[in-house]
Amino acid sequence: MIEEYLPLAYLNAWEYCPRRFYLEYMLGEWAENEHIILGNHLHRNINEDSVIQEGEITIRQQQWVWSDRLQIAGIIDAVEECYGQLVPLEYKKGRMAQHLNDHFQLCAAGLCLEERTGKTIAYGEIFYHSNRRRQPVSFTEQLRQATEAAIAAAQSADQRPMPPPITQKKKCQACSLQSICLPFEVRHLSGENSHAQ
């Protein structure tokens, strides 16, 4: 059943931090911080299901997609269509970074679109509010394979114990689940170096 499919947003969480994914998706933990609240505020204009025409471009906001092959499902912030070419678009609060979690979520959305439409989706775009511009993300074979591997790993997380805290201090400091996860305390008690960046 599609209700049991992995949500696209949780794929993002898995790639950001497997322990966060486990706490949210497997255990149902949730907490808000300033990053979550600001992200919700910035999404307020695109969180309505609508179709907008801008010249030759048709923009469909809040598009529900799924893949039976990969057993994933979710909502894409927008899908732009111009002369038959589909481009999935995600809006993110932060700025362009080296982390692939946003790329994986976008690529997974592209894979869903391909399965639903039968069209090849060559790339997608991420609009980062902090940069005020779009970042194109090419759906290379390497990214597709990495995305599918991440999907499989997230889907099998219930077969393993909770992952340990990650060692990237900046990610932990920005995480809304820090007071639940206790990454610094857990690493300290386990004797690990808590100064990793």
N, C-alpha and C. Protein backbone atom coordinates (compact mmCIF):
# COMPACT_ATOMS: atom_id res chain seq x y z
N MET A 1 0.83 -1.19 0.00
CA MET A 1 0.00 0.00 0.00
C MET A 1 0.87 1.25 0.00
N ILE A 2 0.40 2.29 -0.71
CA ILE A 2 1.20 3.50 -0.85
C ILE A 2 1.42 4.21 0.48
N GLU A 3 0.52 4.00 1.46
CA GLU A 3 0.69 4.61 2.77
C GLU A 3 1.95 4.12 3.47
N GLU A 4 2.45 2.96 3.05
CA GLU A 4 3.63 2.38 3.66
C GLU A 4 4.91 2.78 2.93
N TYR A 5 4.78 3.55 1.87
CA TYR A 5 5.96 3.97 1.11
C TYR A 5 6.76 5.00 1.91
N LEU A 6 8.07 5.03 1.69
CA LEU A 6 8.95 5.98 2.37
C LEU A 6 8.67 7.39 1.85
N PRO A 7 8.33 8.34 2.74
CA PRO A 7 8.10 9.72 2.29
C PRO A 7 9.39 10.37 1.81
N LEU A 8 9.29 11.15 0.76
CA LEU A 8 10.47 11.82 0.19
C LEU A 8 11.18 12.69 1.22
N ALA A 9 10.42 13.37 2.06
CA ALA A 9 11.03 14.24 3.07
C ALA A 9 11.90 13.46 4.05
N TYR A 10 11.51 12.22 4.33
CA TYR A 10 12.31 11.41 5.25
C TYR A 10 13.58 10.88 4.59
N LEU A 11 13.58 10.78 3.27
CA LEU A 11 14.82 10.44 2.57
C LEU A 11 15.84 11.56 2.78
N ASN A 12 15.36 12.80 2.75
CA ASN A 12 16.22 13.94 3.04
C ASN A 12 16.79 13.82 4.45
N ALA A 13 15.93 13.48 5.41
CA ALA A 13 16.37 13.33 6.80
C ALA A 13 17.39 12.21 6.94
N TRP A 14 17.19 11.10 6.22
CA TRP A 14 18.13 9.98 6.28
C TRP A 14 19.51 10.41 5.83
N GLU A 15 19.59 11.12 4.73
CA GLU A 15 20.89 11.52 4.21
C GLU A 15 21.54 12.59 5.09
N TYR A 16 20.72 13.44 5.70
CA TYR A 16 21.26 14.47 6.60
C TYR A 16 21.85 13.82 7.84
N CYS A 17 21.09 12.86 8.42
CA CYS A 17 21.55 12.18 9.64
C CYS A 17 20.70 10.95 9.88
N PRO A 18 21.26 9.74 9.75
CA PRO A 18 20.47 8.52 9.97
C PRO A 18 19.84 8.43 11.36
N ARG A 19 20.50 9.01 12.36
CA ARG A 19 19.93 8.97 13.71
C ARG A 19 18.69 9.86 13.79
N ARG A 20 18.73 11.03 13.14
CA ARG A 20 17.55 11.91 13.10
C ARG A 20 16.39 11.18 12.40
N PHE A 21 16.71 10.54 11.27
CA PHE A 21 15.70 9.77 10.55
C PHE A 21 15.06 8.73 11.47
N TYR A 22 15.89 8.01 12.18
CA TYR A 22 15.40 6.95 13.06
C TYR A 22 14.48 7.53 14.13
N LEU A 23 14.91 8.62 14.74
CA LEU A 23 14.10 9.24 15.80
C LEU A 23 12.76 9.73 15.26
N GLU A 24 12.78 10.37 14.09
CA GLU A 24 11.55 10.93 13.52
C GLU A 24 10.66 9.85 12.91
N TYR A 25 11.24 9.07 12.01
CA TYR A 25 10.43 8.15 11.21
C TYR A 25 10.09 6.87 11.96
N MET A 26 11.06 6.31 12.68
CA MET A 26 10.84 5.05 13.36
C MET A 26 10.18 5.23 14.73
N LEU A 27 10.56 6.30 15.45
CA LEU A 27 10.06 6.48 16.82
C LEU A 27 9.02 7.59 16.95
N GLY A 28 8.81 8.36 15.88
CA GLY A 28 7.79 9.40 15.91
C GLY A 28 8.14 10.64 16.71
N GLU A 29 9.43 10.85 16.98
CA GLU A 29 9.84 12.04 17.72
C GLU A 29 9.78 13.27 16.81
N TRP A 30 9.41 14.40 17.39
CA TRP A 30 9.34 15.63 16.59
C TRP A 30 9.55 16.83 17.51
N ALA A 31 10.28 17.80 17.03
CA ALA A 31 10.49 19.03 17.77
C ALA A 31 10.76 20.14 16.76
N GLU A 32 10.35 21.34 17.12
CA GLU A 32 10.59 22.49 16.25
C GLU A 32 11.67 23.38 16.85
N ASN A 33 12.39 24.04 15.96
CA ASN A 33 13.30 25.10 16.39
C ASN A 33 13.17 26.24 15.39
N GLU A 34 14.02 27.24 15.50
CA GLU A 34 13.89 28.40 14.62
C GLU A 34 14.05 28.04 13.14
N HIS A 35 14.84 27.03 12.83
CA HIS A 35 15.04 26.62 11.44
C HIS A 35 13.76 26.02 10.85
N ILE A 36 13.08 25.19 11.63
CA ILE A 36 11.83 24.57 11.18
C ILE A 36 10.76 25.64 10.99
N ILE A 37 10.64 26.53 11.97
CA ILE A 37 9.61 27.58 11.91
C ILE A 37 9.84 28.50 10.73
N LEU A 38 11.08 28.92 10.52
CA LEU A 38 11.39 29.80 9.39
C LEU A 38 11.14 29.09 8.07
N GLY A 39 11.52 27.81 7.98
CA GLY A 39 11.27 27.05 6.77
C GLY A 39 9.79 26.96 6.44
N ASN A 40 8.96 26.73 7.46
CA ASN A 40 7.50 26.69 7.25
C ASN A 40 6.97 28.04 6.80
N HIS A 41 7.51 29.11 7.38
CA HIS A 41 7.08 30.46 7.00
C HIS A 41 7.44 30.76 5.55
N LEU A 42 8.64 30.38 5.13
CA LEU A 42 9.06 30.65 3.76
C LEU A 42 8.30 29.80 2.75
N HIS A 43 7.73 28.68 3.18
CA HIS A 43 6.96 27.80 2.30
C HIS A 43 5.49 28.22 2.18
N ARG A 44 5.08 29.23 2.93
CA ARG A 44 3.65 29.55 3.01
C ARG A 44 3.04 29.88 1.65
N ASN A 45 3.81 30.45 0.73
CA ASN A 45 3.27 30.84 -0.57
C ASN A 45 3.22 29.70 -1.58
N ILE A 46 3.90 28.61 -1.28
CA ILE A 46 3.92 27.50 -2.24
C ILE A 46 3.25 26.25 -1.70
N ASN A 47 2.64 26.34 -0.53
CA ASN A 47 2.02 25.18 0.08
C ASN A 47 0.57 24.98 -0.33
N GLU A 48 0.15 25.63 -1.41
CA GLU A 48 -1.20 25.45 -1.91
C GLU A 48 -1.16 24.79 -3.27
N ASP A 49 -2.04 23.82 -3.45
CA ASP A 49 -2.14 23.11 -4.72
C ASP A 49 -2.71 24.07 -5.77
N SER A 50 -1.91 24.42 -6.77
CA SER A 50 -2.38 25.36 -7.79
C SER A 50 -1.59 25.17 -9.08
N VAL A 51 -2.15 25.72 -10.16
CA VAL A 51 -1.49 25.71 -11.46
C VAL A 51 -1.34 27.15 -11.92
N ILE A 52 -0.11 27.53 -12.25
CA ILE A 52 0.20 28.90 -12.65
C ILE A 52 0.79 28.87 -14.05
N GLN A 53 0.36 29.78 -14.89
CA GLN A 53 0.89 29.89 -16.25
C GLN A 53 1.73 31.16 -16.34
N GLU A 54 3.01 30.99 -16.71
CA GLU A 54 3.91 32.12 -16.91
C GLU A 54 4.51 32.01 -18.31
N GLY A 55 3.86 32.62 -19.27
CA GLY A 55 4.30 32.50 -20.66
C GLY A 55 4.15 31.07 -21.14
N GLU A 56 5.26 30.49 -21.58
CA GLU A 56 5.26 29.11 -22.06
C GLU A 56 5.40 28.09 -20.94
N ILE A 57 5.61 28.56 -19.72
CA ILE A 57 5.88 27.66 -18.59
C ILE A 57 4.62 27.44 -17.76
N THR A 58 4.28 26.19 -17.55
CA THR A 58 3.18 25.82 -16.65
C THR A 58 3.80 25.33 -15.34
N ILE A 59 3.38 25.93 -14.23
CA ILE A 59 3.92 25.58 -12.91
C ILE A 59 2.80 24.93 -12.09
N ARG A 60 3.04 23.68 -11.72
CA ARG A 60 2.08 22.96 -10.88
C ARG A 60 2.69 22.84 -9.48
N GLN A 61 2.06 23.50 -8.52
CA GLN A 61 2.56 23.49 -7.15
C GLN A 61 1.95 22.32 -6.37
N GLN A 62 2.76 21.81 -5.43
CA GLN A 62 2.32 20.76 -4.51
C GLN A 62 1.82 19.53 -5.26
N GLN A 63 2.71 18.93 -6.03
CA GLN A 63 2.36 17.76 -6.83
C GLN A 63 2.68 16.47 -6.09
N TRP A 64 1.67 15.63 -5.93
CA TRP A 64 1.83 14.33 -5.28
C TRP A 64 2.38 13.33 -6.29
N VAL A 65 3.47 12.66 -5.94
CA VAL A 65 4.08 11.66 -6.83
C VAL A 65 4.47 10.43 -6.02
N TRP A 66 4.66 9.33 -6.71
CA TRP A 66 5.11 8.11 -6.04
C TRP A 66 5.77 7.19 -7.04
N SER A 67 6.52 6.24 -6.50
CA SER A 67 7.15 5.20 -7.31
C SER A 67 6.83 3.86 -6.70
N ASP A 68 6.13 3.02 -7.46
CA ASP A 68 5.84 1.66 -6.99
C ASP A 68 7.11 0.81 -6.99
N ARG A 69 8.00 1.09 -7.92
CA ARG A 69 9.25 0.32 -8.00
C ARG A 69 10.13 0.56 -6.78
N LEU A 70 10.26 1.82 -6.37
CA LEU A 70 11.13 2.17 -5.25
C LEU A 70 10.39 2.24 -3.92
N GLN A 71 9.07 2.22 -3.97
CA GLN A 71 8.22 2.32 -2.79
C GLN A 71 8.52 3.60 -2.00
N ILE A 72 8.47 4.73 -2.73
CA ILE A 72 8.61 6.06 -2.13
C ILE A 72 7.44 6.91 -2.62
N ALA A 73 7.11 7.94 -1.85
CA ALA A 73 6.01 8.83 -2.23
C ALA A 73 6.20 10.16 -1.53
N GLY A 74 5.58 11.19 -2.10
CA GLY A 74 5.66 12.49 -1.45
C GLY A 74 5.16 13.60 -2.34
N ILE A 75 5.33 14.81 -1.84
CA ILE A 75 4.88 15.99 -2.56
C ILE A 75 6.10 16.79 -3.02
N ILE A 76 6.09 17.16 -4.30
CA ILE A 76 7.12 18.04 -4.85
C ILE A 76 6.58 19.46 -4.72
N ASP A 77 7.44 20.40 -4.28
CA ASP A 77 6.99 21.78 -4.12
C ASP A 77 6.40 22.32 -5.41
N ALA A 78 7.05 22.04 -6.53
CA ALA A 78 6.53 22.50 -7.83
C ALA A 78 7.12 21.65 -8.94
N VAL A 79 6.37 21.54 -10.03
CA VAL A 79 6.87 20.92 -11.26
C VAL A 79 6.61 21.91 -12.39
N GLU A 80 7.67 22.31 -13.06
CA GLU A 80 7.54 23.23 -14.18
C GLU A 80 7.56 22.44 -15.48
N GLU A 81 6.71 22.82 -16.41
CA GLU A 81 6.65 22.17 -17.71
C GLU A 81 6.77 23.24 -18.79
N CYS A 82 7.73 23.03 -19.68
CA CYS A 82 7.93 23.94 -20.80
C CYS A 82 8.24 23.11 -22.04
N TYR A 83 7.38 23.18 -23.03
CA TYR A 83 7.53 22.41 -24.27
C TYR A 83 7.70 20.92 -23.98
N GLY A 84 6.95 20.42 -23.01
CA GLY A 84 6.97 18.99 -22.71
C GLY A 84 8.05 18.55 -21.74
N GLN A 85 9.01 19.42 -21.45
CA GLN A 85 10.09 19.10 -20.51
C GLN A 85 9.64 19.38 -19.09
N LEU A 86 9.74 18.38 -18.21
CA LEU A 86 9.35 18.54 -16.82
C LEU A 86 10.57 18.78 -15.94
N VAL A 87 10.46 19.75 -15.04
CA VAL A 87 11.55 20.08 -14.12
C VAL A 87 11.00 20.14 -12.70
N PRO A 88 11.36 19.19 -11.84
CA PRO A 88 10.93 19.27 -10.44
C PRO A 88 11.70 20.38 -9.72
N LEU A 89 11.00 21.07 -8.82
CA LEU A 89 11.60 22.20 -8.12
C LEU A 89 11.28 22.10 -6.63
N GLU A 90 12.32 22.23 -5.82
CA GLU A 90 12.16 22.24 -4.37
C GLU A 90 12.62 23.58 -3.83
N TYR A 91 11.94 24.05 -2.78
CA TYR A 91 12.30 25.29 -2.12
C TYR A 91 12.90 24.95 -0.76
N LYS A 92 14.07 25.50 -0.47
CA LYS A 92 14.74 25.22 0.80
C LYS A 92 15.12 26.52 1.49
N LYS A 93 15.11 26.47 2.82
CA LYS A 93 15.38 27.66 3.62
C LYS A 93 16.83 28.10 3.55
N GLY A 94 17.73 27.14 3.58
CA GLY A 94 19.15 27.45 3.76
C GLY A 94 19.85 27.96 2.52
N ARG A 95 21.13 27.64 2.46
CA ARG A 95 21.95 28.06 1.33
C ARG A 95 22.59 26.84 0.70
N MET A 96 23.11 27.03 -0.49
CA MET A 96 23.76 25.94 -1.19
C MET A 96 24.90 25.39 -0.34
N ALA A 97 24.96 24.09 -0.22
CA ALA A 97 25.96 23.46 0.64
C ALA A 97 26.50 22.21 -0.04
N GLN A 98 27.39 21.55 0.67
CA GLN A 98 28.02 20.34 0.14
C GLN A 98 27.20 19.09 0.45
N HIS A 99 26.20 19.22 1.30
CA HIS A 99 25.40 18.06 1.69
C HIS A 99 24.51 17.62 0.53
N LEU A 100 24.34 16.32 0.39
CA LEU A 100 23.56 15.78 -0.72
C LEU A 100 22.11 15.48 -0.35
N ASN A 101 21.70 15.76 0.88
CA ASN A 101 20.34 15.39 1.29
C ASN A 101 19.28 16.05 0.42
N ASP A 102 19.46 17.32 0.07
CA ASP A 102 18.49 17.99 -0.80
C ASP A 102 18.52 17.41 -2.21
N HIS A 103 19.72 17.06 -2.69
CA HIS A 103 19.87 16.48 -4.02
C HIS A 103 19.18 15.12 -4.10
N PHE A 104 19.33 14.32 -3.02
CA PHE A 104 18.70 13.00 -3.01
C PHE A 104 17.18 13.12 -3.05
N GLN A 105 16.63 14.05 -2.25
CA GLN A 105 15.18 14.25 -2.22
C GLN A 105 14.68 14.68 -3.60
N LEU A 106 15.39 15.61 -4.24
CA LEU A 106 14.99 16.10 -5.55
C LEU A 106 15.10 15.01 -6.61
N CYS A 107 16.19 14.25 -6.58
CA CYS A 107 16.38 13.17 -7.54
C CYS A 107 15.31 12.09 -7.36
N ALA A 108 14.98 11.77 -6.12
CA ALA A 108 13.92 10.79 -5.87
C ALA A 108 12.59 11.28 -6.43
N ALA A 109 12.32 12.57 -6.31
CA ALA A 109 11.11 13.15 -6.90
C ALA A 109 11.14 13.00 -8.41
N GLY A 110 12.32 13.23 -8.99
CA GLY A 110 12.47 13.05 -10.43
C GLY A 110 12.23 11.62 -10.87
N LEU A 111 12.71 10.66 -10.09
CA LEU A 111 12.48 9.25 -10.40
C LEU A 111 11.00 8.90 -10.34
N CYS A 112 10.31 9.49 -9.37
CA CYS A 112 8.85 9.28 -9.28
C CYS A 112 8.16 9.86 -10.52
N LEU A 113 8.55 11.07 -10.91
CA LEU A 113 7.95 11.70 -12.09
C LEU A 113 8.18 10.85 -13.34
N GLU A 114 9.38 10.33 -13.47
CA GLU A 114 9.68 9.49 -14.63
C GLU A 114 8.76 8.28 -14.68
N GLU A 115 8.57 7.65 -13.54
CA GLU A 115 7.72 6.46 -13.50
C GLU A 115 6.25 6.80 -13.78
N ARG A 116 5.81 7.94 -13.28
CA ARG A 116 4.41 8.34 -13.45
C ARG A 116 4.11 8.82 -14.87
N THR A 117 5.09 9.48 -15.52
CA THR A 117 4.82 10.12 -16.82
C THR A 117 5.42 9.38 -18.00
N GLY A 118 6.43 8.52 -17.76
CA GLY A 118 7.12 7.86 -18.86
C GLY A 118 8.13 8.75 -19.56
N LYS A 119 8.34 9.96 -19.02
CA LYS A 119 9.30 10.90 -19.61
C LYS A 119 10.62 10.84 -18.86
N THR A 120 11.70 11.14 -19.55
CA THR A 120 13.01 11.23 -18.90
C THR A 120 13.14 12.61 -18.27
N ILE A 121 13.49 12.64 -17.00
CA ILE A 121 13.70 13.89 -16.28
C ILE A 121 15.21 14.08 -16.14
N ALA A 122 15.75 15.03 -16.87
CA ALA A 122 17.21 15.19 -16.92
C ALA A 122 17.77 15.91 -15.71
N TYR A 123 17.00 16.81 -15.12
CA TYR A 123 17.51 17.59 -14.00
C TYR A 123 16.35 18.20 -13.22
N GLY A 124 16.68 18.72 -12.06
CA GLY A 124 15.73 19.48 -11.25
C GLY A 124 16.44 20.71 -10.74
N GLU A 125 15.73 21.51 -9.98
CA GLU A 125 16.33 22.73 -9.44
C GLU A 125 15.90 22.91 -7.98
N ILE A 126 16.80 23.49 -7.19
CA ILE A 126 16.52 23.81 -5.80
C ILE A 126 16.67 25.31 -5.63
N PHE A 127 15.59 25.95 -5.14
CA PHE A 127 15.66 27.38 -4.84
C PHE A 127 16.01 27.54 -3.37
N TYR A 128 17.19 28.10 -3.10
CA TYR A 128 17.63 28.34 -1.74
C TYR A 128 17.34 29.79 -1.36
N HIS A 129 16.52 29.98 -0.33
CA HIS A 129 16.10 31.32 0.06
C HIS A 129 17.28 32.18 0.50
N SER A 130 18.28 31.59 1.16
CA SER A 130 19.41 32.39 1.63
C SER A 130 20.23 32.94 0.48
N ASN A 131 20.29 32.22 -0.63
CA ASN A 131 21.03 32.67 -1.80
C ASN A 131 20.16 33.44 -2.79
N ARG A 132 18.83 33.24 -2.66
CA ARG A 132 17.86 33.87 -3.56
C ARG A 132 18.09 33.48 -5.01
N ARG A 133 18.50 32.27 -5.25
CA ARG A 133 18.64 31.80 -6.62
C ARG A 133 18.53 30.28 -6.65
N ARG A 134 18.36 29.78 -7.86
CA ARG A 134 18.19 28.34 -8.05
C ARG A 134 19.53 27.66 -8.31
N GLN A 135 19.60 26.42 -7.82
CA GLN A 135 20.75 25.58 -8.12
C GLN A 135 20.26 24.41 -8.97
N PRO A 136 20.73 24.33 -10.22
CA PRO A 136 20.36 23.16 -11.02
C PRO A 136 21.06 21.90 -10.50
N VAL A 137 20.34 20.80 -10.51
CA VAL A 137 20.89 19.52 -10.08
C VAL A 137 20.68 18.52 -11.21
N SER A 138 21.77 18.11 -11.83
CA SER A 138 21.69 17.15 -12.93
C SER A 138 21.48 15.75 -12.37
N PHE A 139 20.51 15.04 -12.91
CA PHE A 139 20.23 13.68 -12.46
C PHE A 139 21.16 12.71 -13.21
N THR A 140 22.42 12.73 -12.81
CA THR A 140 23.42 11.85 -13.41
C THR A 140 23.16 10.42 -12.99
N GLU A 141 23.78 9.49 -13.68
CA GLU A 141 23.66 8.09 -13.31
C GLU A 141 24.20 7.86 -11.91
N GLN A 142 25.28 8.56 -11.57
CA GLN A 142 25.87 8.43 -10.24
C GLN A 142 24.90 8.90 -9.16
N LEU A 143 24.24 10.05 -9.37
CA LEU A 143 23.28 10.54 -8.39
C LEU A 143 22.07 9.62 -8.30
N ARG A 144 21.61 9.10 -9.42
CA ARG A 144 20.48 8.18 -9.40
C ARG A 144 20.81 6.93 -8.59
N GLN A 145 21.98 6.37 -8.81
CA GLN A 145 22.38 5.16 -8.09
C GLN A 145 22.53 5.44 -6.59
N ALA A 146 23.14 6.57 -6.25
CA ALA A 146 23.32 6.94 -4.85
C ALA A 146 21.98 7.17 -4.17
N THR A 147 21.05 7.79 -4.89
CA THR A 147 19.72 8.04 -4.35
C THR A 147 18.98 6.72 -4.09
N GLU A 148 19.05 5.81 -5.03
CA GLU A 148 18.38 4.52 -4.85
C GLU A 148 19.02 3.73 -3.71
N ALA A 149 20.34 3.84 -3.55
CA ALA A 149 21.01 3.15 -2.45
C ALA A 149 20.57 3.74 -1.11
N ALA A 150 20.41 5.07 -1.05
CA ALA A 150 19.96 5.72 0.18
C ALA A 150 18.53 5.32 0.50
N ILE A 151 17.68 5.21 -0.51
CA ILE A 151 16.30 4.77 -0.31
C ILE A 151 16.28 3.38 0.31
N ALA A 152 17.06 2.47 -0.26
CA ALA A 152 17.11 1.09 0.24
C ALA A 152 17.63 1.05 1.68
N ALA A 153 18.64 1.86 1.98
CA ALA A 153 19.20 1.88 3.33
C ALA A 153 18.18 2.42 4.34
N ALA A 154 17.47 3.47 3.97
CA ALA A 154 16.46 4.03 4.87
C ALA A 154 15.32 3.05 5.10
N GLN A 155 14.93 2.35 4.05
CA GLN A 155 13.82 1.40 4.17
C GLN A 155 14.17 0.19 5.04
N SER A 156 15.45 -0.10 5.19
CA SER A 156 15.85 -1.25 6.01
C SER A 156 16.33 -0.83 7.40
N ALA A 157 16.13 0.46 7.75
CA ALA A 157 16.62 0.96 9.04
C ALA A 157 15.96 0.26 10.22
N ASP A 158 14.74 -0.24 10.04
CA ASP A 158 14.05 -0.89 11.14
C ASP A 158 14.63 -2.25 11.48
N GLN A 159 15.55 -2.73 10.65
CA GLN A 159 16.18 -4.02 10.89
C GLN A 159 17.49 -3.90 11.67
N ARG A 160 17.83 -2.65 12.02
CA ARG A 160 19.08 -2.40 12.74
C ARG A 160 18.80 -1.55 13.98
N PRO A 161 19.73 -1.53 14.94
CA PRO A 161 19.53 -0.65 16.10
C PRO A 161 19.66 0.82 15.70
N MET A 162 19.26 1.70 16.60
CA MET A 162 19.35 3.13 16.33
C MET A 162 20.80 3.52 16.01
N PRO A 163 21.02 4.27 14.93
CA PRO A 163 22.39 4.68 14.60
C PRO A 163 22.98 5.58 15.68
N PRO A 164 24.30 5.58 15.82
CA PRO A 164 24.94 6.49 16.78
C PRO A 164 24.88 7.92 16.26
N PRO A 165 25.15 8.89 17.11
CA PRO A 165 25.16 10.28 16.64
C PRO A 165 26.24 10.48 15.57
N ILE A 166 25.95 11.38 14.63
CA ILE A 166 26.95 11.71 13.63
C ILE A 166 28.03 12.56 14.29
N THR A 167 29.12 12.77 13.60
CA THR A 167 30.25 13.50 14.17
C THR A 167 30.41 14.89 13.56
N GLN A 168 29.36 15.39 12.94
CA GLN A 168 29.43 16.73 12.34
C GLN A 168 28.73 17.71 13.27
N LYS A 169 29.53 18.43 14.04
CA LYS A 169 29.03 19.29 15.11
C LYS A 169 28.04 20.33 14.61
N LYS A 170 28.31 20.92 13.44
CA LYS A 170 27.44 21.98 12.93
C LYS A 170 26.04 21.45 12.61
N LYS A 171 25.97 20.24 12.06
CA LYS A 171 24.66 19.65 11.79
C LYS A 171 23.89 19.44 13.09
N CYS A 172 24.57 18.94 14.10
CA CYS A 172 23.91 18.68 15.38
C CYS A 172 23.43 19.97 16.02
N GLN A 173 24.21 21.03 15.94
CA GLN A 173 23.83 22.29 16.57
C GLN A 173 22.59 22.89 15.91
N ALA A 174 22.38 22.63 14.60
CA ALA A 174 21.23 23.19 13.89
C ALA A 174 20.00 22.28 13.95
N CYS A 175 20.14 21.10 14.53
CA CYS A 175 19.07 20.11 14.50
C CYS A 175 18.02 20.37 15.57
N SER A 176 16.75 20.29 15.19
CA SER A 176 15.66 20.51 16.14
C SER A 176 15.55 19.38 17.17
N LEU A 177 16.13 18.23 16.87
CA LEU A 177 16.03 17.08 17.79
C LEU A 177 17.23 16.96 18.73
N GLN A 178 18.06 17.99 18.79
CA GLN A 178 19.28 17.90 19.59
C GLN A 178 18.98 17.54 21.05
N SER A 179 17.92 18.12 21.64
CA SER A 179 17.61 17.85 23.05
C SER A 179 17.03 16.46 23.26
N ILE A 180 16.60 15.81 22.19
CA ILE A 180 16.09 14.43 22.27
C ILE A 180 17.20 13.44 21.94
N CYS A 181 17.97 13.75 20.94
CA CYS A 181 19.05 12.89 20.48
C CYS A 181 20.24 12.89 21.44
N LEU A 182 20.54 14.07 22.01
CA LEU A 182 21.68 14.26 22.91
C LEU A 182 23.00 13.77 22.29
N PRO A 183 23.33 14.27 21.09
CA PRO A 183 24.51 13.75 20.40
C PRO A 183 25.82 13.97 21.13
N PHE A 184 26.00 15.16 21.71
CA PHE A 184 27.27 15.45 22.38
C PHE A 184 27.41 14.64 23.66
N GLU A 185 26.31 14.50 24.39
CA GLU A 185 26.34 13.72 25.63
C GLU A 185 26.59 12.24 25.35
N VAL A 186 25.91 11.72 24.32
CA VAL A 186 26.08 10.30 23.98
C VAL A 186 27.51 10.02 23.54
N ARG A 187 28.06 10.90 22.71
CA ARG A 187 29.44 10.69 22.26
C ARG A 187 30.42 10.82 23.43
N HIS A 188 30.16 11.76 24.32
CA HIS A 188 31.04 11.94 25.49
C HIS A 188 31.02 10.69 26.37
N LEU A 189 29.82 10.19 26.64
CA LEU A 189 29.69 9.01 27.50
C LEU A 189 30.27 7.75 26.87
N SER A 190 30.26 7.72 25.53
CA SER A 190 30.83 6.54 24.86
C SER A 190 32.33 6.68 24.66
N GLY A 191 32.90 7.83 25.07
CA GLY A 191 34.34 8.02 24.97
C GLY A 191 34.81 8.50 23.63
N GLU A 192 33.86 8.90 22.75
CA GLU A 192 34.26 9.39 21.44
C GLU A 192 34.65 10.85 21.52
N ASN A 193 35.42 11.27 20.52
CA ASN A 193 35.85 12.67 20.43
C ASN A 193 34.63 13.52 20.05
N SER A 194 34.24 14.44 20.90
CA SER A 194 33.07 15.29 20.64
C SER A 194 33.43 16.59 19.95
N HIS A 195 34.68 16.73 19.51
CA HIS A 195 35.09 17.99 18.86
C HIS A 195 35.11 17.88 17.36
N ALA A 196 34.60 16.79 16.81
CA ALA A 196 34.62 16.63 15.36
C ALA A 196 33.73 17.69 14.71
N GLN A 197 34.13 18.15 13.56
CA GLN A 197 33.37 19.15 12.82
C GLN A 197 32.50 18.47 11.79
